[in-house]
PDB file of N, CA and C in Angstrom:
ATOM      1  N   MET A   1      56.501   2.344 -54.681  1.00  0.00           N
ATOM      2  CA  MET A   1      56.775   1.256 -53.768  1.00  0.00           C
ATOM      3  C   MET A   1      56.657  -0.066 -54.510  1.00  0.00           C
ATOM      4  N   GLN A   2      57.563  -0.937 -54.269  1.00  0.00           N
ATOM      5  CA  GLN A   2      57.571  -2.241 -54.926  1.00  0.00           C
ATOM      6  C   GLN A   2      56.871  -3.238 -54.016  1.00  0.00           C
ATOM      7  N   LEU A   3      55.774  -3.815 -54.487  1.00  0.00           N
ATOM      8  CA  LEU A   3      55.066  -4.820 -53.710  1.00  0.00           C
ATOM      9  C   LEU A   3      55.369  -6.185 -54.295  1.00  0.00           C
ATOM     10  N   PRO A   4      55.489  -7.245 -53.518  1.00  0.00           N
ATOM     11  CA  PRO A   4      55.110  -7.327 -52.121  1.00  0.00           C
ATOM     12  C   PRO A   4      56.191  -6.930 -51.109  1.00  0.00           C
ATOM     13  N   ARG A   5      57.378  -6.581 -51.572  1.00  0.00           N
ATOM     14  CA  ARG A   5      58.448  -6.241 -50.620  1.00  0.00           C
ATOM     15  C   ARG A   5      58.912  -4.805 -50.846  1.00  0.00           C
ATOM     16  N   PRO A   6      58.266  -3.853 -50.181  1.00  0.00           N
ATOM     17  CA  PRO A   6      58.666  -2.452 -50.369  1.00  0.00           C
ATOM     18  C   PRO A   6      60.002  -2.158 -49.707  1.00  0.00           C
ATOM     19  N   ASP A   7      60.657  -1.126 -50.180  1.00  0.00           N
ATOM     20  CA  ASP A   7      61.894  -0.616 -49.580  1.00  0.00           C
ATOM     21  C   ASP A   7      61.487   0.115 -48.303  1.00  0.00           C
ATOM     22  N   ILE A   8      61.791  -0.467 -47.161  1.00  0.00           N
ATOM     23  CA  ILE A   8      61.339   0.063 -45.874  1.00  0.00           C
ATOM     24  C   ILE A   8      61.893   1.466 -45.615  1.00  0.00           C
ATOM     25  N   ALA A   9      63.160   1.691 -45.918  1.00  0.00           N
ATOM     26  CA  ALA A   9      63.749   3.023 -45.702  1.00  0.00           C
ATOM     27  C   ALA A   9      63.054   4.061 -46.577  1.00  0.00           C
ATOM     28  N   ALA A  10      62.780   3.713 -47.843  1.00  0.00           N
ATOM     29  CA  ALA A  10      62.094   4.636 -48.749  1.00  0.00           C
ATOM     30  C   ALA A  10      60.659   4.882 -48.282  1.00  0.00           C
ATOM     31  N   LEU A  11      60.012   3.845 -47.788  1.00  0.00           N
ATOM     32  CA  LEU A  11      58.650   3.983 -47.285  1.00  0.00           C
ATOM     33  C   LEU A  11      58.605   4.932 -46.089  1.00  0.00           C
ATOM     34  N   HIS A  12      59.547   4.776 -45.167  1.00  0.00           N
ATOM     35  CA  HIS A  12      59.593   5.669 -44.002  1.00  0.00           C
ATOM     36  C   HIS A  12      59.904   7.106 -44.422  1.00  0.00           C
ATOM     37  N   ALA A  13      60.792   7.273 -45.378  1.00  0.00           N
ATOM     38  CA  ALA A  13      61.115   8.622 -45.867  1.00  0.00           C
ATOM     39  C   ALA A  13      59.877   9.255 -46.511  1.00  0.00           C
ATOM     40  N   PHE A  14      59.162   8.465 -47.296  1.00  0.00           N
ATOM     41  CA  PHE A  14      57.933   8.955 -47.917  1.00  0.00           C
ATOM     42  C   PHE A  14      56.898   9.322 -46.854  1.00  0.00           C
ATOM     43  N   ALA A  15      56.717   8.445 -45.867  1.00  0.00           N
ATOM     44  CA  ALA A  15      55.744   8.696 -44.800  1.00  0.00           C
ATOM     45  C   ALA A  15      56.127   9.925 -43.985  1.00  0.00           C
ATOM     46  N   ASP A  16      57.421  10.125 -43.760  1.00  0.00           N
ATOM     47  CA  ASP A  16      57.878  11.341 -43.067  1.00  0.00           C
ATOM     48  C   ASP A  16      57.467  12.584 -43.848  1.00  0.00           C
ATOM     49  N   LYS A  17      57.682  12.545 -45.151  1.00  0.00           N
ATOM     50  CA  LYS A  17      57.397  13.713 -45.993  1.00  0.00           C
ATOM     51  C   LYS A  17      55.891  13.953 -46.125  1.00  0.00           C
ATOM     52  N   ALA A  18      55.148  12.915 -46.476  1.00  0.00           N
ATOM     53  CA  ALA A  18      53.710  13.066 -46.715  1.00  0.00           C
ATOM     54  C   ALA A  18      52.914  13.227 -45.428  1.00  0.00           C
ATOM     55  N   GLY A  19      53.444  12.725 -44.326  1.00  0.00           N
ATOM     56  CA  GLY A  19      52.706  12.765 -43.070  1.00  0.00           C
ATOM     57  C   GLY A  19      53.045  13.922 -42.156  1.00  0.00           C
ATOM     58  N   LYS A  20      54.020  14.740 -42.550  1.00  0.00           N
ATOM     59  CA  LYS A  20      54.450  15.814 -41.642  1.00  0.00           C
ATOM     60  C   LYS A  20      53.408  16.928 -41.553  1.00  0.00           C
ATOM     61  N   ARG A  21      53.476  17.644 -40.483  1.00  0.00           N
ATOM     62  CA  ARG A  21      52.588  18.777 -40.250  1.00  0.00           C
ATOM     63  C   ARG A  21      52.785  19.792 -41.378  1.00  0.00           C
ATOM     64  N   GLY A  22      51.676  20.274 -41.906  1.00  0.00           N
ATOM     65  CA  GLY A  22      51.738  21.252 -42.974  1.00  0.00           C
ATOM     66  C   GLY A  22      51.750  20.651 -44.371  1.00  0.00           C
ATOM     67  N   ALA A  23      51.795  19.331 -44.472  1.00  0.00           N
ATOM     68  CA  ALA A  23      51.823  18.667 -45.783  1.00  0.00           C
ATOM     69  C   ALA A  23      50.441  18.117 -46.138  1.00  0.00           C
ATOM     70  N   ASP A  24      49.415  18.873 -45.786  1.00  0.00           N
ATOM     71  CA  ASP A  24      48.043  18.400 -45.999  1.00  0.00           C
ATOM     72  C   ASP A  24      47.765  18.038 -47.450  1.00  0.00           C
ATOM     73  N   ASP A  25      48.175  18.891 -48.376  1.00  0.00           N
ATOM     74  CA  ASP A  25      47.918  18.622 -49.793  1.00  0.00           C
ATOM     75  C   ASP A  25      48.617  17.347 -50.249  1.00  0.00           C
ATOM     76  N   THR A  26      49.848  17.161 -49.815  1.00  0.00           N
ATOM     77  CA  THR A  26      50.603  15.963 -50.191  1.00  0.00           C
ATOM     78  C   THR A  26      49.919  14.713 -49.650  1.00  0.00           C
ATOM     79  N   TYR A  27      49.527  14.742 -48.383  1.00  0.00           N
ATOM     80  CA  TYR A  27      48.866  13.597 -47.754  1.00  0.00           C
ATOM     81  C   TYR A  27      47.547  13.284 -48.455  1.00  0.00           C
ATOM     82  N   GLU A  28      46.725  14.304 -48.660  1.00  0.00           N
ATOM     83  CA  GLU A  28      45.419  14.088 -49.274  1.00  0.00           C
ATOM     84  C   GLU A  28      45.550  13.585 -50.710  1.00  0.00           C
ATOM     85  N   THR A  29      46.532  14.097 -51.442  1.00  0.00           N
ATOM     86  CA  THR A  29      46.772  13.631 -52.806  1.00  0.00           C
ATOM     87  C   THR A  29      47.226  12.177 -52.801  1.00  0.00           C
ATOM     88  N   MET A  30      48.106  11.815 -51.868  1.00  0.00           N
ATOM     89  CA  MET A  30      48.576  10.438 -51.766  1.00  0.00           C
ATOM     90  C   MET A  30      47.405   9.491 -51.494  1.00  0.00           C
ATOM     91  N   ILE A  31      46.530   9.853 -50.581  1.00  0.00           N
ATOM     92  CA  ILE A  31      45.375   9.002 -50.258  1.00  0.00           C
ATOM     93  C   ILE A  31      44.457   8.882 -51.472  1.00  0.00           C
ATOM     94  N   GLU A  32      44.209   9.988 -52.156  1.00  0.00           N
ATOM     95  CA  GLU A  32      43.351   9.968 -53.332  1.00  0.00           C
ATOM     96  C   GLU A  32      43.942   9.105 -54.444  1.00  0.00           C
ATOM     97  N   LEU A  33      45.235   9.262 -54.696  1.00  0.00           N
ATOM     98  CA  LEU A  33      45.894   8.463 -55.738  1.00  0.00           C
ATOM     99  C   LEU A  33      45.912   6.986 -55.384  1.00  0.00           C
ATOM    100  N   LEU A  34      46.176   6.675 -54.126  1.00  0.00           N
ATOM    101  CA  LEU A  34      46.205   5.283 -53.690  1.00  0.00           C
ATOM    102  C   LEU A  34      44.827   4.643 -53.835  1.00  0.00           C
ATOM    103  N   THR A  35      43.795   5.355 -53.439  1.00  0.00           N
ATOM    104  CA  THR A  35      42.429   4.836 -53.561  1.00  0.00           C
ATOM    105  C   THR A  35      42.081   4.597 -55.028  1.00  0.00           C
ATOM    106  N   HIS A  36      42.444   5.533 -55.878  1.00  0.00           N
ATOM    107  CA  HIS A  36      42.190   5.394 -57.315  1.00  0.00           C
ATOM    108  C   HIS A  36      42.974   4.200 -57.881  1.00  0.00           C
ATOM    109  N   TRP A  37      44.221   4.039 -57.439  1.00  0.00           N
ATOM    110  CA  TRP A  37      45.043   2.923 -57.897  1.00  0.00           C
ATOM    111  C   TRP A  37      44.414   1.583 -57.500  1.00  0.00           C
ATOM    112  N   LEU A  38      43.901   1.499 -56.275  1.00  0.00           N
ATOM    113  CA  LEU A  38      43.262   0.255 -55.831  1.00  0.00           C
ATOM    114  C   LEU A  38      41.999  -0.034 -56.642  1.00  0.00           C
ATOM    115  N   GLN A  39      41.237   0.993 -56.968  1.00  0.00           N
ATOM    116  CA  GLN A  39      40.061   0.805 -57.819  1.00  0.00           C
ATOM    117  C   GLN A  39      40.473   0.230 -59.165  1.00  0.00           C
ATOM    118  N   ARG A  40      41.534   0.775 -59.717  1.00  0.00           N
ATOM    119  CA  ARG A  40      42.027   0.300 -61.007  1.00  0.00           C
ATOM    120  C   ARG A  40      42.565  -1.127 -60.907  1.00  0.00           C
ATOM    121  N   LEU A  41      43.235  -1.458 -59.813  1.00  0.00           N
ATOM    122  CA  LEU A  41      43.749  -2.816 -59.611  1.00  0.00           C
ATOM    123  C   LEU A  41      42.597  -3.813 -59.588  1.00  0.00           C
ATOM    124  N   VAL A  42      41.521  -3.484 -58.886  1.00  0.00           N
ATOM    125  CA  VAL A  42      40.365  -4.377 -58.817  1.00  0.00           C
ATOM    126  C   VAL A  42      39.744  -4.527 -60.208  1.00  0.00           C
ATOM    127  N   ARG A  43      39.646  -3.444 -60.939  1.00  0.00           N
ATOM    128  CA  ARG A  43      39.120  -3.527 -62.311  1.00  0.00           C
ATOM    129  C   ARG A  43      39.991  -4.435 -63.170  1.00  0.00           C
ATOM    130  N   ALA A  44      41.311  -4.267 -63.067  1.00  0.00           N
ATOM    131  CA  ALA A  44      42.232  -5.100 -63.857  1.00  0.00           C
ATOM    132  C   ALA A  44      42.074  -6.563 -63.476  1.00  0.00           C
ATOM    133  N   GLY A  45      41.967  -6.846 -62.191  1.00  0.00           N
ATOM    134  CA  GLY A  45      41.820  -8.226 -61.734  1.00  0.00           C
ATOM    135  C   GLY A  45      40.508  -8.854 -62.132  1.00  0.00           C
ATOM    136  N   ALA A  46      39.499  -8.008 -62.372  1.00  0.00           N
ATOM    137  CA  ALA A  46      38.193  -8.507 -62.805  1.00  0.00           C
ATOM    138  C   ALA A  46      38.121  -8.644 -64.319  1.00  0.00           C
ATOM    139  N   GLY A  47      39.254  -8.391 -64.979  1.00  0.00           N
ATOM    140  CA  GLY A  47      39.298  -8.523 -66.423  1.00  0.00           C
ATOM    141  C   GLY A  47      38.788  -7.298 -67.164  1.00  0.00           C
ATOM    142  N   LEU A  48      38.576  -6.202 -66.443  1.00  0.00           N
ATOM    143  CA  LEU A  48      38.114  -4.963 -67.049  1.00  0.00           C
ATOM    144  C   LEU A  48      39.301  -4.058 -67.350  1.00  0.00           C
ATOM    145  N   ASP A  49      39.080  -3.094 -68.191  1.00  0.00           N
ATOM    146  CA  ASP A  49      40.134  -2.158 -68.548  1.00  0.00           C
ATOM    147  C   ASP A  49      40.382  -1.197 -67.378  1.00  0.00           C
ATOM    148  N   PRO A  50      41.596  -1.192 -66.817  1.00  0.00           N
ATOM    149  CA  PRO A  50      41.878  -0.283 -65.716  1.00  0.00           C
ATOM    150  C   PRO A  50      42.168   1.138 -66.175  1.00  0.00           C
ATOM    151  N   GLY A  51      42.166   1.344 -67.474  1.00  0.00           N
ATOM    152  CA  GLY A  51      42.512   2.653 -68.010  1.00  0.00           C
ATOM    153  C   GLY A  51      43.985   2.673 -68.368  1.00  0.00           C
ATOM    154  N   PRO A  52      44.410   3.775 -68.982  1.00  0.00           N
ATOM    155  CA  PRO A  52      45.810   3.848 -69.420  1.00  0.00           C
ATOM    156  C   PRO A  52      46.773   3.909 -68.237  1.00  0.00           C
ATOM    157  N   ASP A  53      47.973   3.409 -68.468  1.00  0.00           N
ATOM    158  CA  ASP A  53      49.015   3.481 -67.435  1.00  0.00           C
ATOM    159  C   ASP A  53      49.346   4.935 -67.137  1.00  0.00           C
ATOM    160  N   ILE A  54      49.444   5.259 -65.883  1.00  0.00           N
ATOM    161  CA  ILE A  54      49.935   6.570 -65.471  1.00  0.00           C
ATOM    162  C   ILE A  54      51.457   6.511 -65.428  1.00  0.00           C
ATOM    163  N   VAL A  55      51.955   5.370 -64.970  1.00  0.00           N
ATOM    164  CA  VAL A  55      53.388   5.078 -64.953  1.00  0.00           C
ATOM    165  C   VAL A  55      53.580   3.848 -65.833  1.00  0.00           C
ATOM    166  N   GLU A  56      54.580   3.858 -66.674  1.00  0.00           N
ATOM    167  CA  GLU A  56      54.817   2.744 -67.598  1.00  0.00           C
ATOM    168  C   GLU A  56      54.893   1.415 -66.844  1.00  0.00           C
ATOM    169  N   GLY A  57      54.156   0.426 -67.328  1.00  0.00           N
ATOM    170  CA  GLY A  57      54.157  -0.907 -66.734  1.00  0.00           C
ATOM    171  C   GLY A  57      53.177  -1.083 -65.588  1.00  0.00           C
ATOM    172  N   GLU A  58      52.449  -0.031 -65.252  1.00  0.00           N
ATOM    173  CA  GLU A  58      51.527  -0.073 -64.113  1.00  0.00           C
ATOM    174  C   GLU A  58      50.407  -1.098 -64.312  1.00  0.00           C
ATOM    175  N   GLY A  59      49.832  -1.145 -65.505  1.00  0.00           N
ATOM    176  CA  GLY A  59      48.750  -2.092 -65.772  1.00  0.00           C
ATOM    177  C   GLY A  59      49.199  -3.532 -65.618  1.00  0.00           C
ATOM    178  N   ALA A  60      50.396  -3.838 -66.116  1.00  0.00           N
ATOM    179  CA  ALA A  60      50.939  -5.189 -65.985  1.00  0.00           C
ATOM    180  C   ALA A  60      51.162  -5.535 -64.518  1.00  0.00           C
ATOM    181  N   ALA A  61      51.662  -4.576 -63.750  1.00  0.00           N
ATOM    182  CA  ALA A  61      51.880  -4.804 -62.317  1.00  0.00           C
ATOM    183  C   ALA A  61      50.555  -5.034 -61.600  1.00  0.00           C
ATOM    184  N   MET A  62      49.537  -4.282 -61.972  1.00  0.00           N
ATOM    185  CA  MET A  62      48.208  -4.468 -61.364  1.00  0.00           C
ATOM    186  C   MET A  62      47.667  -5.863 -61.656  1.00  0.00           C
ATOM    187  N   ARG A  63      47.773  -6.268 -62.931  1.00  0.00           N
ATOM    188  CA  ARG A  63      47.277  -7.603 -63.284  1.00  0.00           C
ATOM    189  C   ARG A  63      48.042  -8.695 -62.543  1.00  0.00           C
ATOM    190  N   ARG A  64      49.367  -8.510 -62.391  1.00  0.00           N
ATOM    191  CA  ARG A  64      50.187  -9.486 -61.667  1.00  0.00           C
ATOM    192  C   ARG A  64      49.745  -9.572 -60.209  1.00  0.00           C
ATOM    193  N   LEU A  65      49.524  -8.421 -59.573  1.00  0.00           N
ATOM    194  CA  LEU A  65      49.121  -8.409 -58.168  1.00  0.00           C
ATOM    195  C   LEU A  65      47.721  -8.982 -57.963  1.00  0.00           C
ATOM    196  N   ALA A  66      46.844  -8.759 -58.931  1.00  0.00           N
ATOM    197  CA  ALA A  66      45.460  -9.208 -58.793  1.00  0.00           C
ATOM    198  C   ALA A  66      45.261 -10.669 -59.197  1.00  0.00           C
ATOM    199  N   ALA A  67      46.248 -11.269 -59.851  1.00  0.00           N
ATOM    200  CA  ALA A  67      46.113 -12.633 -60.358  1.00  0.00           C
ATOM    201  C   ALA A  67      46.128 -13.662 -59.231  1.00  0.00           C
ATOM    202  N   GLY A  68      45.617 -14.824 -59.534  1.00  0.00           N
ATOM    203  CA  GLY A  68      45.755 -15.955 -58.617  1.00  0.00           C
ATOM    204  C   GLY A  68      44.626 -16.134 -57.642  1.00  0.00           C
ATOM    205  N   GLY A  69      43.399 -15.890 -58.049  1.00  0.00           N
ATOM    206  CA  GLY A  69      42.275 -16.121 -57.160  1.00  0.00           C
ATOM    207  C   GLY A  69      41.281 -14.981 -57.202  1.00  0.00           C
ATOM    208  N   SER A  70      40.394 -14.975 -56.228  1.00  0.00           N
ATOM    209  CA  SER A  70      39.350 -13.951 -56.202  1.00  0.00           C
ATOM    210  C   SER A  70      39.934 -12.605 -55.762  1.00  0.00           C
ATOM    211  N   LEU A  71      39.200 -11.589 -56.013  1.00  0.00           N
ATOM    212  CA  LEU A  71      39.630 -10.237 -55.657  1.00  0.00           C
ATOM    213  C   LEU A  71      39.120  -9.800 -54.286  1.00  0.00           C
ATOM    214  N   ASP A  72      38.512 -10.724 -53.562  1.00  0.00           N
ATOM    215  CA  ASP A  72      37.926 -10.370 -52.269  1.00  0.00           C
ATOM    216  C   ASP A  72      38.910  -9.675 -51.332  1.00  0.00           C
ATOM    217  N   ARG A  73      40.133 -10.172 -51.271  1.00  0.00           N
ATOM    218  CA  ARG A  73      41.122  -9.584 -50.351  1.00  0.00           C
ATOM    219  C   ARG A  73      41.502  -8.170 -50.767  1.00  0.00           C
ATOM    220  N   TRP A  74      41.628  -7.904 -52.084  1.00  0.00           N
ATOM    221  CA  TRP A  74      41.948  -6.546 -52.534  1.00  0.00           C
ATOM    222  C   TRP A  74      40.791  -5.597 -52.238  1.00  0.00           C
ATOM    223  N   VAL A  75      39.557  -6.066 -52.446  1.00  0.00           N
ATOM    224  CA  VAL A  75      38.393  -5.237 -52.131  1.00  0.00           C
ATOM    225  C   VAL A  75      38.358  -4.974 -50.625  1.00  0.00           C
ATOM    226  N   GLU A  76      38.642  -5.999 -49.847  1.00  0.00           N
ATOM    227  CA  GLU A  76      38.668  -5.854 -48.389  1.00  0.00           C
ATOM    228  C   GLU A  76      39.720  -4.836 -47.946  1.00  0.00           C
ATOM    229  N   VAL A  77      40.920  -4.906 -48.516  1.00  0.00           N
ATOM    230  CA  VAL A  77      41.971  -3.969 -48.117  1.00  0.00           C
ATOM    231  C   VAL A  77      41.635  -2.558 -48.597  1.00  0.00           C
ATOM    232  N   TRP A  78      40.994  -2.435 -49.739  1.00  0.00           N
ATOM    233  CA  TRP A  78      40.535  -1.138 -50.239  1.00  0.00           C
ATOM    234  C   TRP A  78      39.582  -0.511 -49.225  1.00  0.00           C
ATOM    235  N   GLU A  79      38.613  -1.307 -48.738  1.00  0.00           N
ATOM    236  CA  GLU A  79      37.664  -0.820 -47.732  1.00  0.00           C
ATOM    237  C   GLU A  79      38.372  -0.474 -46.423  1.00  0.00           C
ATOM    238  N   LYS A  80      39.290  -1.328 -45.980  1.00  0.00           N
ATOM    239  CA  LYS A  80      40.019  -1.076 -44.734  1.00  0.00           C
ATOM    240  C   LYS A  80      40.863   0.190 -44.821  1.00  0.00           C
ATOM    241  N   ILE A  81      41.495   0.403 -45.977  1.00  0.00           N
ATOM    242  CA  ILE A  81      42.305   1.612 -46.150  1.00  0.00           C
ATOM    243  C   ILE A  81      41.420   2.845 -46.098  1.00  0.00           C
ATOM    244  N   SER A  82      40.259   2.783 -46.728  1.00  0.00           N
ATOM    245  CA  SER A  82      39.329   3.911 -46.681  1.00  0.00           C
ATOM    246  C   SER A  82      38.893   4.187 -45.246  1.00  0.00           C
ATOM    247  N   GLN A  83      38.592   3.139 -44.501  1.00  0.00           N
ATOM    248  CA  GLN A  83      38.191   3.290 -43.102  1.00  0.00           C
ATOM    249  C   GLN A  83      39.337   3.806 -42.246  1.00  0.00           C
ATOM    250  N   THR A  84      40.537   3.277 -42.470  1.00  0.00           N
ATOM    251  CA  THR A  84      41.706   3.674 -41.690  1.00  0.00           C
ATOM    252  C   THR A  84      42.027   5.146 -41.893  1.00  0.00           C
ATOM    253  N   THR A  85      41.992   5.600 -43.144  1.00  0.00           N
ATOM    254  CA  THR A  85      42.314   7.005 -43.398  1.00  0.00           C
ATOM    255  C   THR A  85      41.231   7.927 -42.844  1.00  0.00           C
ATOM    256  N   ALA A  86      39.966   7.534 -42.977  1.00  0.00           N
ATOM    257  CA  ALA A  86      38.872   8.347 -42.428  1.00  0.00           C
ATOM    258  C   ALA A  86      38.958   8.405 -40.905  1.00  0.00           C
ATOM    259  N   ARG A  87      39.213   7.265 -40.280  1.00  0.00           N
ATOM    260  CA  ARG A  87      39.339   7.221 -38.826  1.00  0.00           C
ATOM    261  C   ARG A  87      40.546   8.029 -38.363  1.00  0.00           C
ATOM    262  N   GLY A  88      41.638   7.932 -39.107  1.00  0.00           N
ATOM    263  CA  GLY A  88      42.835   8.693 -38.775  1.00  0.00           C
ATOM    264  C   GLY A  88      42.571  10.183 -38.774  1.00  0.00           C
ATOM    265  N   GLU A  89      41.812  10.651 -39.754  1.00  0.00           N
ATOM    266  CA  GLU A  89      41.463  12.077 -39.809  1.00  0.00           C
ATOM    267  C   GLU A  89      40.525  12.450 -38.669  1.00  0.00           C
ATOM    268  N   ALA A  90      39.530  11.613 -38.412  1.00  0.00           N
ATOM    269  CA  ALA A  90      38.554  11.903 -37.358  1.00  0.00           C
ATOM    270  C   ALA A  90      39.203  11.958 -35.984  1.00  0.00           C
ATOM    271  N   LEU A  91      40.200  11.104 -35.769  1.00  0.00           N
ATOM    272  CA  LEU A  91      40.849  11.032 -34.457  1.00  0.00           C
ATOM    273  C   LEU A  91      42.156  11.818 -34.405  1.00  0.00           C
ATOM    274  N   ASN A  92      42.481  12.491 -35.511  1.00  0.00           N
ATOM    275  CA  ASN A  92      43.713  13.278 -35.596  1.00  0.00           C
ATOM    276  C   ASN A  92      44.948  12.418 -35.297  1.00  0.00           C
ATOM    277  N   THR A  93      44.963  11.224 -35.875  1.00  0.00           N
ATOM    278  CA  THR A  93      46.069  10.286 -35.705  1.00  0.00           C
ATOM    279  C   THR A  93      47.287  10.777 -36.477  1.00  0.00           C
ATOM    280  N   ASP A  94      48.469  10.463 -35.990  1.00  0.00           N
ATOM    281  CA  ASP A  94      49.713  10.792 -36.681  1.00  0.00           C
ATOM    282  C   ASP A  94      49.635  10.226 -38.094  1.00  0.00           C
ATOM    283  N   ARG A  95      49.725  11.094 -39.074  1.00  0.00           N
ATOM    284  CA  ARG A  95      49.575  10.676 -40.463  1.00  0.00           C
ATOM    285  C   ARG A  95      50.667   9.718 -40.911  1.00  0.00           C
ATOM    286  N   LYS A  96      51.860   9.851 -40.373  1.00  0.00           N
ATOM    287  CA  LYS A  96      52.922   8.904 -40.734  1.00  0.00           C
ATOM    288  C   LYS A  96      52.493   7.488 -40.352  1.00  0.00           C
ATOM    289  N   LEU A  97      51.908   7.331 -39.186  1.00  0.00           N
ATOM    290  CA  LEU A  97      51.445   6.009 -38.755  1.00  0.00           C
ATOM    291  C   LEU A  97      50.331   5.491 -39.656  1.00  0.00           C
ATOM    292  N   VAL A  98      49.451   6.379 -40.083  1.00  0.00           N
ATOM    293  CA  VAL A  98      48.385   5.980 -41.000  1.00  0.00           C
ATOM    294  C   VAL A  98      48.994   5.470 -42.310  1.00  0.00           C
ATOM    295  N   ILE A  99      49.955   6.216 -42.854  1.00  0.00           N
ATOM    296  CA  ILE A  99      50.598   5.823 -44.108  1.00  0.00           C
ATOM    297  C   ILE A  99      51.296   4.481 -43.962  1.00  0.00           C
ATOM    298  N   LEU A 100      52.047   4.296 -42.887  1.00  0.00           N
ATOM    299  CA  LEU A 100      52.748   3.029 -42.672  1.00  0.00           C
ATOM    300  C   LEU A 100      51.762   1.875 -42.516  1.00  0.00           C
ATOM    301  N   ASN A 101      50.660   2.121 -41.839  1.00  0.00           N
ATOM    302  CA  ASN A 101      49.632   1.096 -41.665  1.00  0.00           C
ATOM    303  C   ASN A 101      48.999   0.732 -43.015  1.00  0.00           C
ATOM    304  N   VAL A 102      48.723   1.742 -43.831  1.00  0.00           N
ATOM    305  CA  VAL A 102      48.139   1.509 -45.152  1.00  0.00           C
ATOM    306  C   VAL A 102      49.071   0.638 -45.997  1.00  0.00           C
ATOM    307  N   PHE A 103      50.349   0.989 -46.031  1.00  0.00           N
ATOM    308  CA  PHE A 103      51.278   0.208 -46.846  1.00  0.00           C
ATOM    309  C   PHE A 103      51.536  -1.174 -46.256  1.00  0.00           C
ATOM    310  N   SER A 104      51.391  -1.324 -44.955  1.00  0.00           N
ATOM    311  CA  SER A 104      51.490  -2.641 -44.330  1.00  0.00           C
ATOM    312  C   SER A 104      50.338  -3.542 -44.807  1.00  0.00           C
ATOM    313  N   MET A 105      49.144  -2.956 -44.911  1.00  0.00           N
ATOM    314  CA  MET A 105      47.995  -3.723 -45.415  1.00  0.00           C
ATOM    315  C   MET A 105      48.222  -4.143 -46.866  1.00  0.00           C
ATOM    316  N   LEU A 106      48.718  -3.212 -47.684  1.00  0.00           N
ATOM    317  CA  LEU A 106      48.998  -3.531 -49.085  1.00  0.00           C
ATOM    318  C   LEU A 106      50.044  -4.631 -49.201  1.00  0.00           C
ATOM    319  N   GLU A 107      51.093  -4.519 -48.395  1.00  0.00           N
ATOM    320  CA  GLU A 107      52.166  -5.520 -48.421  1.00  0.00           C
ATOM    321  C   GLU A 107      51.636  -6.901 -48.041  1.00  0.00           C
ATOM    322  N   ALA A 108      50.772  -6.948 -47.029  1.00  0.00           N
ATOM    323  CA  ALA A 108      50.232  -8.234 -46.576  1.00  0.00           C
ATOM    324  C   ALA A 108      49.435  -8.920 -47.684  1.00  0.00           C
ATOM    325  N   VAL A 109      48.570  -8.178 -48.369  1.00  0.00           N
ATOM    326  CA  VAL A 109      47.758  -8.772 -49.424  1.00  0.00           C
ATOM    327  C   VAL A 109      48.635  -9.146 -50.619  1.00  0.00           C
ATOM    328  N   ALA A 110      49.578  -8.280 -50.979  1.00  0.00           N
ATOM    329  CA  ALA A 110      50.470  -8.582 -52.105  1.00  0.00           C
ATOM    330  C   ALA A 110      51.293  -9.832 -51.798  1.00  0.00           C
ATOM    331  N   SER A 111      51.736  -9.992 -50.564  1.00  0.00           N
ATOM    332  CA  SER A 111      52.513 -11.169 -50.177  1.00  0.00           C
ATOM    333  C   SER A 111      51.670 -12.434 -50.282  1.00  0.00           C
ATOM    334  N   GLU A 112      50.409 -12.357 -49.869  1.00  0.00           N
ATOM    335  CA  GLU A 112      49.511 -13.511 -49.993  1.00  0.00           C
ATOM    336  C   GLU A 112      49.356 -13.907 -51.457  1.00  0.00           C
ATOM    337  N   ARG A 113      49.193 -12.916 -52.306  1.00  0.00           N
ATOM    338  CA  ARG A 113      48.964 -13.156 -53.719  1.00  0.00           C
ATOM    339  C   ARG A 113      50.207 -13.721 -54.390  1.00  0.00           C
ATOM    340  N   ALA A 114      51.372 -13.269 -53.942  1.00  0.00           N
ATOM    341  CA  ALA A 114      52.633 -13.709 -54.560  1.00  0.00           C
ATOM    342  C   ALA A 114      53.128 -15.020 -53.954  1.00  0.00           C
ATOM    343  N   GLY A 115      52.469 -15.450 -52.877  1.00  0.00           N
ATOM    344  CA  GLY A 115      52.923 -16.652 -52.203  1.00  0.00           C
ATOM    345  C   GLY A 115      54.208 -16.454 -51.450  1.00  0.00           C
ATOM    346  N   ALA A 116      54.479 -15.169 -51.108  1.00  0.00           N
ATOM    347  CA  ALA A 116      55.735 -14.831 -50.402  1.00  0.00           C
ATOM    348  C   ALA A 116      55.642 -15.159 -48.951  1.00  0.00           C
TER     349      ALA A 116
END
């Protein structure tokens, strides 16, 4: 997904696939990878080594997203995403809605950072 302006059709297609009934492994892997990515983004923004790129150019993108002020908002969205996914599981919420909500939070913070 390209932040701060993700491809909405691609996001919905992804959410359909990862959020559908029977795709538990896909959903859980997506949440785990996203959480790990946010941890790395915060590390990069704090001037620490986020580790090697998993996808080429990922570290540069993380530094770009984290630049321009404090990391409080990224830490806040990281916590909110963790709470949202946990609450979604506890309440058996439609996983597609959880995924769309998570990416909406990411888009909002990325837009603030980019001045979009």
